[in-house]
PDB file of N, CA and C in Angstrom:
ATOM      1  N   MET A   1     109.406  73.043  31.729  1.00  0.00           N
ATOM      2  CA  MET A   1     109.412  74.384  30.701  1.00  0.00           C
ATOM      3  C   MET A   1     109.116  75.008  30.429  1.00  0.00           C
ATOM      4  N   SER A   2     110.099  76.420  29.266  1.00  0.00           N
ATOM      5  CA  SER A   2     109.677  77.074  29.282  1.00  0.00           C
ATOM      6  C   SER A   2     109.171  77.836  27.977  1.00  0.00           C
ATOM      7  N   GLY A   3     108.531  77.772  27.057  1.00  0.00           N
ATOM      8  CA  GLY A   3     108.878  78.463  25.309  1.00  0.00           C
ATOM      9  C   GLY A   3     107.284  77.578  25.648  1.00  0.00           C
ATOM     10  N   PRO A   4     106.570  78.093  24.129  1.00  0.00           N
ATOM     11  CA  PRO A   4     105.228  77.808  24.507  1.00  0.00           C
ATOM     12  C   PRO A   4     104.638  75.686  24.085  1.00  0.00           C
ATOM     13  N   GLY A   5     103.699  76.275  24.985  1.00  0.00           N
ATOM     14  CA  GLY A   5     102.828  74.735  25.205  1.00  0.00           C
ATOM     15  C   GLY A   5     102.956  73.525  24.003  1.00  0.00           C
ATOM     16  N   LEU A   6     102.718  72.459  24.779  1.00  0.00           N
ATOM     17  CA  LEU A   6     102.966  71.537  23.502  1.00  0.00           C
ATOM     18  C   LEU A   6     101.630  71.703  22.096  1.00  0.00           C
ATOM     19  N   ASP A   7     100.332  72.775  22.873  1.00  0.00           N
ATOM     20  CA  ASP A   7      99.833  72.353  21.681  1.00  0.00           C
ATOM     21  C   ASP A   7     100.103  73.344  20.352  1.00  0.00           C
ATOM     22  N   ALA A   8     100.762  74.454  21.248  1.00  0.00           N
ATOM     23  CA  ALA A   8     101.621  75.617  20.480  1.00  0.00           C
ATOM     24  C   ALA A   8     102.644  74.765  19.417  1.00  0.00           C
ATOM     25  N   ARG A   9     103.321  74.273  19.949  1.00  0.00           N
ATOM     26  CA  ARG A   9     103.776  73.517  19.580  1.00  0.00           C
ATOM     27  C   ARG A   9     104.116  72.319  17.726  1.00  0.00           C
ATOM     28  N   LEU A  10     102.990  71.778  18.637  1.00  0.00           N
ATOM     29  CA  LEU A  10     102.485  70.643  17.785  1.00  0.00           C
ATOM     30  C   LEU A  10     101.556  71.363  16.719  1.00  0.00           C
ATOM     31  N   ILE A  11     101.247  72.854  16.784  1.00  0.00           N
ATOM     32  CA  ILE A  11     100.200  73.396  15.463  1.00  0.00           C
ATOM     33  C   ILE A  11     101.435  73.869  14.457  1.00  0.00           C
ATOM     34  N   ALA A  12     102.732  74.463  15.064  1.00  0.00           N
ATOM     35  CA  ALA A  12     103.364  74.571  14.702  1.00  0.00           C
ATOM     36  C   ALA A  12     104.652  73.939  13.752  1.00  0.00           C
ATOM     37  N   ALA A  13     104.016  72.538  14.395  1.00  0.00           N
ATOM     38  CA  ALA A  13     105.168  71.323  13.282  1.00  0.00           C
ATOM     39  C   ALA A  13     104.436  70.835  12.445  1.00  0.00           C
ATOM     40  N   HIS A  14     103.245  70.919  12.533  1.00  0.00           N
ATOM     41  CA  HIS A  14     102.037  70.469  11.891  1.00  0.00           C
ATOM     42  C   HIS A  14     102.088  71.389   9.858  1.00  0.00           C
ATOM     43  N   ASP A  15     102.405  72.825  10.100  1.00  0.00           N
ATOM     44  CA  ASP A  15     102.681  73.838   9.389  1.00  0.00           C
ATOM     45  C   ASP A  15     103.088  73.528   8.114  1.00  0.00           C
ATOM     46  N   PRO A  16     105.321  73.596   8.862  1.00  0.00           N
ATOM     47  CA  PRO A  16     105.912  72.627   7.671  1.00  0.00           C
ATOM     48  C   PRO A  16     105.677  71.630   7.483  1.00  0.00           C
ATOM     49  N   MET A  17     105.252  70.195   7.864  1.00  0.00           N
ATOM     50  CA  MET A  17     104.872  68.935   8.282  1.00  0.00           C
ATOM     51  C   MET A  17     106.459  68.407   9.283  1.00  0.00           C
ATOM     52  N   ASN A  18     107.079  68.368   9.866  1.00  0.00           N
ATOM     53  CA  ASN A  18     107.895  67.926  10.638  1.00  0.00           C
ATOM     54  C   ASN A  18     107.383  66.801  10.957  1.00  0.00           C
ATOM     55  N   LYS A  19     107.906  66.194  10.466  1.00  0.00           N
ATOM     56  CA  LYS A  19     107.425  64.157  10.712  1.00  0.00           C
ATOM     57  C   LYS A  19     108.367  63.970  11.931  1.00  0.00           C
ATOM     58  N   PRO A  20     109.107  64.134  12.299  1.00  0.00           N
ATOM     59  CA  PRO A  20     109.955  63.887  13.248  1.00  0.00           C
ATOM     60  C   PRO A  20     110.083  64.349  14.341  1.00  0.00           C
ATOM     61  N   ALA A  21     109.609  65.523  14.418  1.00  0.00           N
ATOM     62  CA  ALA A  21     109.208  66.664  15.078  1.00  0.00           C
ATOM     63  C   ALA A  21     107.587  66.452  15.788  1.00  0.00           C
ATOM     64  N   LEU A  22     107.032  65.586  14.998  1.00  0.00           N
ATOM     65  CA  LEU A  22     105.489  65.600  14.581  1.00  0.00           C
ATOM     66  C   LEU A  22     104.963  64.525  15.663  1.00  0.00           C
ATOM     67  N   VAL A  23     106.079  63.470  15.525  1.00  0.00           N
ATOM     68  CA  VAL A  23     105.968  61.875  16.153  1.00  0.00           C
ATOM     69  C   VAL A  23     106.825  61.804  17.435  1.00  0.00           C
ATOM     70  N   ARG A  24     107.499  63.418  18.006  1.00  0.00           N
ATOM     71  CA  ARG A  24     108.040  63.307  19.162  1.00  0.00           C
ATOM     72  C   ARG A  24     107.363  64.304  20.139  1.00  0.00           C
ATOM     73  N   LEU A  25     106.186  65.757  19.421  1.00  0.00           N
ATOM     74  CA  LEU A  25     105.598  65.762  20.237  1.00  0.00           C
ATOM     75  C   LEU A  25     104.153  64.723  20.372  1.00  0.00           C
ATOM     76  N   TYR A  26     103.461  64.470  19.250  1.00  0.00           N
ATOM     77  CA  TYR A  26     102.243  63.719  19.754  1.00  0.00           C
ATOM     78  C   TYR A  26     102.702  61.990  20.517  1.00  0.00           C
ATOM     79  N   THR A  27     103.790  62.536  20.655  1.00  0.00           N
ATOM     80  CA  THR A  27     104.337  60.927  21.720  1.00  0.00           C
ATOM     81  C   THR A  27     104.181  61.654  23.484  1.00  0.00           C
ATOM     82  N   GLU A  28     104.704  63.143  23.000  1.00  0.00           N
ATOM     83  CA  GLU A  28     104.622  63.990  24.658  1.00  0.00           C
ATOM     84  C   GLU A  28     103.133  63.783  24.903  1.00  0.00           C
ATOM     85  N   ALA A  29     101.875  63.818  23.621  1.00  0.00           N
ATOM     86  CA  ALA A  29     100.735  64.067  23.868  1.00  0.00           C
ATOM     87  C   ALA A  29     100.952  62.660  24.635  1.00  0.00           C
ATOM     88  N   ALA A  30     101.088  62.293  23.815  1.00  0.00           N
ATOM     89  CA  ALA A  30     100.120  60.498  25.613  1.00  0.00           C
ATOM     90  C   ALA A  30     100.935  60.671  25.898  1.00  0.00           C
ATOM     91  N   ASP A  31     101.895  60.921  26.790  1.00  0.00           N
ATOM     92  CA  ASP A  31     102.944  60.242  28.011  1.00  0.00           C
ATOM     93  C   ASP A  31     101.923  61.087  28.520  1.00  0.00           C
ATOM     94  N   SER A  32     101.800  62.414  29.028  1.00  0.00           N
ATOM     95  CA  SER A  32     101.291  63.350  29.359  1.00  0.00           C
ATOM     96  C   SER A  32      99.528  63.581  29.664  1.00  0.00           C
ATOM     97  N   ALA A  33      99.036  62.688  28.926  1.00  0.00           N
ATOM     98  CA  ALA A  33      97.376  62.570  28.609  1.00  0.00           C
ATOM     99  C   ALA A  33      96.953  61.891  29.646  1.00  0.00           C
ATOM    100  N   ASN A  34      95.684  61.749  30.206  1.00  0.00           N
ATOM    101  CA  ASN A  34      95.365  62.098  31.425  1.00  0.00           C
ATOM    102  C   ASN A  34      94.603  60.465  31.668  1.00  0.00           C
ATOM    103  N   ASP A  35      94.155  60.119  30.353  1.00  0.00           N
ATOM    104  CA  ASP A  35      93.083  58.485  30.815  1.00  0.00           C
ATOM    105  C   ASP A  35      94.361  58.085  28.837  1.00  0.00           C
ATOM    106  N   ILE A  36      93.965  56.772  29.170  1.00  0.00           N
ATOM    107  CA  ILE A  36      94.472  55.974  28.368  1.00  0.00           C
ATOM    108  C   ILE A  36      94.137  55.966  26.343  1.00  0.00           C
ATOM    109  N   ASP A  37      92.279  56.579  26.692  1.00  0.00           N
ATOM    110  CA  ASP A  37      91.678  57.091  25.426  1.00  0.00           C
ATOM    111  C   ASP A  37      92.457  57.928  24.870  1.00  0.00           C
ATOM    112  N   ALA A  38      93.063  58.835  25.551  1.00  0.00           N
ATOM    113  CA  ALA A  38      93.533  59.526  25.406  1.00  0.00           C
ATOM    114  C   ALA A  38      94.927  59.918  24.522  1.00  0.00           C
ATOM    115  N   SER A  39      96.011  59.040  25.901  1.00  0.00           N
ATOM    116  CA  SER A  39      96.935  58.830  25.088  1.00  0.00           C
ATOM    117  C   SER A  39      96.804  57.867  23.903  1.00  0.00           C
ATOM    118  N   CYS A  40      95.977  56.623  24.024  1.00  0.00           N
ATOM    119  CA  CYS A  40      96.382  55.706  22.488  1.00  0.00           C
ATOM    120  C   CYS A  40      95.585  57.328  21.664  1.00  0.00           C
ATOM    121  N   PHE A  41      94.939  58.218  21.591  1.00  0.00           N
ATOM    122  CA  PHE A  41      94.669  58.495  20.309  1.00  0.00           C
ATOM    123  C   PHE A  41      96.160  59.459  19.961  1.00  0.00           C
ATOM    124  N   PHE A  42      96.753  59.998  20.228  1.00  0.00           N
ATOM    125  CA  PHE A  42      97.865  60.422  20.515  1.00  0.00           C
ATOM    126  C   PHE A  42      98.822  59.690  20.074  1.00  0.00           C
ATOM    127  N   LEU A  43      99.166  58.244  20.583  1.00  0.00           N
ATOM    128  CA  LEU A  43     100.309  57.012  19.816  1.00  0.00           C
ATOM    129  C   LEU A  43      99.611  57.165  18.904  1.00  0.00           C
ATOM    130  N   THR A  44      98.133  57.084  18.721  1.00  0.00           N
ATOM    131  CA  THR A  44      98.570  56.642  16.628  1.00  0.00           C
ATOM    132  C   THR A  44      98.939  58.297  15.911  1.00  0.00           C
ATOM    133  N   HIS A  45      98.227  58.807  16.222  1.00  0.00           N
ATOM    134  CA  HIS A  45      98.954  60.186  15.563  1.00  0.00           C
ATOM    135  C   HIS A  45     100.635  60.102  15.564  1.00  0.00           C
ATOM    136  N   ALA A  46     101.359  59.604  16.677  1.00  0.00           N
ATOM    137  CA  ALA A  46     102.438  59.952  16.591  1.00  0.00           C
ATOM    138  C   ALA A  46     102.538  58.393  15.648  1.00  0.00           C
ATOM    139  N   TYR A  47     102.373  57.466  15.307  1.00  0.00           N
ATOM    140  CA  TYR A  47     102.592  56.636  14.889  1.00  0.00           C
ATOM    141  C   TYR A  47     102.281  56.451  13.597  1.00  0.00           C
ATOM    142  N   VAL A  48     101.451  56.741  13.115  1.00  0.00           N
ATOM    143  CA  VAL A  48     101.153  57.233  11.913  1.00  0.00           C
ATOM    144  C   VAL A  48     101.905  58.194  10.980  1.00  0.00           C
ATOM    145  N   PHE A  49     102.104  59.625  12.143  1.00  0.00           N
ATOM    146  CA  PHE A  49     103.503  59.568  11.172  1.00  0.00           C
ATOM    147  C   PHE A  49     105.376  59.159  11.378  1.00  0.00           C
ATOM    148  N   ALA A  50     105.015  58.699  12.342  1.00  0.00           N
ATOM    149  CA  ALA A  50     106.391  57.533  12.551  1.00  0.00           C
ATOM    150  C   ALA A  50     106.414  56.434  10.803  1.00  0.00           C
ATOM    151  N   LEU A  51     104.660  55.907  10.784  1.00  0.00           N
ATOM    152  CA  LEU A  51     105.118  55.623   9.742  1.00  0.00           C
ATOM    153  C   LEU A  51     106.292  56.274   8.554  1.00  0.00           C
ATOM    154  N   ASP A  52     105.324  56.680   8.168  1.00  0.00           N
ATOM    155  CA  ASP A  52     104.828  57.496   6.490  1.00  0.00           C
ATOM    156  C   ASP A  52     106.848  58.305   6.682  1.00  0.00           C
ATOM    157  N   ALA A  53     107.192  58.887   8.113  1.00  0.00           N
ATOM    158  CA  ALA A  53     108.208  59.390   7.173  1.00  0.00           C
ATOM    159  C   ALA A  53     109.906  58.555   8.283  1.00  0.00           C
ATOM    160  N   GLY A  54     109.316  56.935   8.384  1.00  0.00           N
ATOM    161  CA  GLY A  54     109.513  56.313   8.577  1.00  0.00           C
ATOM    162  C   GLY A  54     111.174  55.626   9.532  1.00  0.00           C
ATOM    163  N   HIS A  55     110.216  56.585  10.503  1.00  0.00           N
ATOM    164  CA  HIS A  55     111.095  56.971  12.150  1.00  0.00           C
ATOM    165  C   HIS A  55     111.347  55.907  12.844  1.00  0.00           C
ATOM    166  N   PRO A  56     112.405  56.019  13.502  1.00  0.00           N
ATOM    167  CA  PRO A  56     112.874  54.821  14.370  1.00  0.00           C
ATOM    168  C   PRO A  56     111.972  54.463  15.123  1.00  0.00           C
ATOM    169  N   ASP A  57     110.280  55.159  16.057  1.00  0.00           N
ATOM    170  CA  ASP A  57     110.218  54.823  16.946  1.00  0.00           C
ATOM    171  C   ASP A  57     109.059  54.634  16.110  1.00  0.00           C
ATOM    172  N   ALA A  58     108.845  53.321  15.626  1.00  0.00           N
ATOM    173  CA  ALA A  58     107.444  53.582  14.528  1.00  0.00           C
ATOM    174  C   ALA A  58     106.587  51.852  15.531  1.00  0.00           C
ATOM    175  N   ARG A  59     108.376  51.205  15.517  1.00  0.00           N
ATOM    176  CA  ARG A  59     107.951  50.092  15.984  1.00  0.00           C
ATOM    177  C   ARG A  59     107.563  50.184  17.963  1.00  0.00           C
ATOM    178  N   THR A  60     108.146  50.556  18.120  1.00  0.00           N
ATOM    179  CA  THR A  60     107.735  50.821  19.212  1.00  0.00           C
ATOM    180  C   THR A  60     106.512  51.337  19.426  1.00  0.00           C
ATOM    181  N   LEU A  61     106.758  52.723  18.596  1.00  0.00           N
ATOM    182  CA  LEU A  61     104.474  52.989  18.899  1.00  0.00           C
ATOM    183  C   LEU A  61     103.836  52.475  18.885  1.00  0.00           C
ATOM    184  N   HIS A  62     104.031  50.708  17.605  1.00  0.00           N
ATOM    185  CA  HIS A  62     102.651  50.203  18.121  1.00  0.00           C
ATOM    186  C   HIS A  62     102.877  48.504  18.288  1.00  0.00           C
ATOM    187  N   ALA A  63     104.278  48.472  19.354  1.00  0.00           N
ATOM    188  CA  ALA A  63     103.699  47.954  20.728  1.00  0.00           C
ATOM    189  C   ALA A  63     103.107  48.219  21.946  1.00  0.00           C
ATOM    190  N   ARG A  64     103.576  49.335  22.195  1.00  0.00           N
ATOM    191  CA  ARG A  64     102.470  50.340  22.683  1.00  0.00           C
ATOM    192  C   ARG A  64     100.905  50.076  22.587  1.00  0.00           C
ATOM    193  N   LEU A  65     100.819  51.386  20.998  1.00  0.00           N
ATOM    194  CA  LEU A  65      99.606  50.238  20.523  1.00  0.00           C
ATOM    195  C   LEU A  65      98.438  48.848  21.175  1.00  0.00           C
ATOM    196  N   LYS A  66      98.873  47.916  20.018  1.00  0.00           N
ATOM    197  CA  LYS A  66      99.194  46.857  20.861  1.00  0.00           C
ATOM    198  C   LYS A  66      99.402  45.916  22.802  1.00  0.00           C
ATOM    199  N   ALA A  67      99.618  46.807  23.206  1.00  0.00           N
ATOM    200  CA  ALA A  67      99.558  46.743  25.013  1.00  0.00           C
ATOM    201  C   ALA A  67      98.841  46.982  25.429  1.00  0.00           C
ATOM    202  N   HIS A  68      98.308  48.023  24.628  1.00  0.00           N
ATOM    203  CA  HIS A  68      96.704  48.850  24.744  1.00  0.00           C
ATOM    204  C   HIS A  68      95.174  48.064  24.182  1.00  0.00           C
ATOM    205  N   GLY A  69      95.715  47.187  23.744  1.00  0.00           N
ATOM    206  CA  GLY A  69      94.656  46.704  22.806  1.00  0.00           C
ATOM    207  C   GLY A  69      93.156  47.598  21.516  1.00  0.00           C
ATOM    208  N   ARG A  70      94.536  48.338  21.355  1.00  0.00           N
ATOM    209  CA  ARG A  70      94.196  48.929  20.064  1.00  0.00           C
ATOM    210  C   ARG A  70      94.597  48.039  18.921  1.00  0.00           C
ATOM    211  N   GLU A  71      94.836  47.574  18.684  1.00  0.00           N
ATOM    212  CA  GLU A  71      94.912  46.518  17.381  1.00  0.00           C
ATOM    213  C   GLU A  71      93.935  44.971  17.208  1.00  0.00           C
ATOM    214  N   SER A  72      93.203  45.105  16.162  1.00  0.00           N
ATOM    215  CA  SER A  72      92.473  43.959  15.853  1.00  0.00           C
ATOM    216  C   SER A  72      93.208  43.290  14.649  1.00  0.00           C
TER     217      SER A  72
END
């Protein structure tokens, strides 16, 4: 992929608080993380933004977190 890296795109999406983009970008970060803890960290962010925005991916993100034991 050309253009700005993931970190730069995340920072750019935070400035106008583009919640749909933040859901997508944090999910992308989770998918490319090197370990489960990092992945779940990013998934949690994606999930919170999805809930706040009423995003359709909220259910899927929640299921992914539950599958990794991240719900008490």
